[in-house]
């Protein structure tokens, strides 16, 4: 492949290497990239000369800042229009299928999650067997700012974070670093950003076998031996704010939790930003976050992704995504005119409609 390819495919010994290659767009995922990655993972699964997969982002700023939401804006419906193109369904179907593939892949997958890892980037990273963060890692699920919701398995992994930190992160889109990612179960090891090539060389030098379980162990030991000392990790946000987050989310209803968070009056800047993001965010999204976590608590990963596929298509059909992306990235006025405009104006019927499957058989039924 040429250097212009949106996904670079390389080999280094028994390592199959995939590089998301749109650095100017912070490696935002488009449908072509999703399809190329899926096809290559299929090919490498049956290739006995490939023992381990490595995924990274081009440049040093991001693994992946999320999905190509500008394309979704173009293909989504406006308020009152009720409709999204086939592209929207195809995009999310194939993205979620790729995420599921990574979660269930038999060979070790190492994801180098340095720099920005948000939205669809977390989808790529969360299912990998070896999720590496660095001192530059910045993670978030900020979909409430664009009228979407924490997808790519967000219903699965947010529910598995300590206490109600997942609910808080989904509602506020709060950023968290590599230390936080270890704490909340979104990463396995924290390595220095400068150590990427040394780790890749060490992995390529391993004596892999036909035993995939043993290969997982070999990779784990190689990664562990290069971990940054705990005393050098970035200062945490989640662990130190855990008790406050529990207090802010200790409400029986979403309106209770919403009011407590947006009315936060302390002087902590991280919590102030979280409150500000929720206040400006899409009211319907806030209800979706509350409901998706409630509904998915005991769901399988496959069922979660099927539920999220219906949500994604419906949120692109009802005008929320169109307006959210317009305000943030198209017109850049940062003044989204959400409909409904207030949390209390959202009806139960509107929330339920977002979860209603717009098909008789889910495109992800075979997962």
Foldseek 3Di string as FASTA:
>chain_A
DDLPDQWDWDDQFLETEIERRPVVQLSADDQSSLVVVVVVLVVSLPDLRHQEYEQAYPDQAFRHQAHPLVVLLVQFDAAPGQAGDPRLLSGLLSLLVSLVCQLPRLGAYEYETEHEQEHSSLLNQQRGLAYEYEQRYKYAHLCLLQQAWRASLLLPLLLQFPDNVSLLRRLQRFIWGPVVCCRRVSHDAYAHPVCPVVLVNVLSPDDDDSDRVVNSVVNVVSRVVRGDPPVPHPDGDCVVCVVVLNVLQPDPDLVSSLCSQLPDDDDDPSSPSSNVSNVLGALLRSVLSVVSNVVCNPPDSLVSSLQSSLLSRRSSRNRRNNQSCCCCPNVVVSRGCHVVNDNVPDDPVNNVNSRDRPDPAGPSNPD
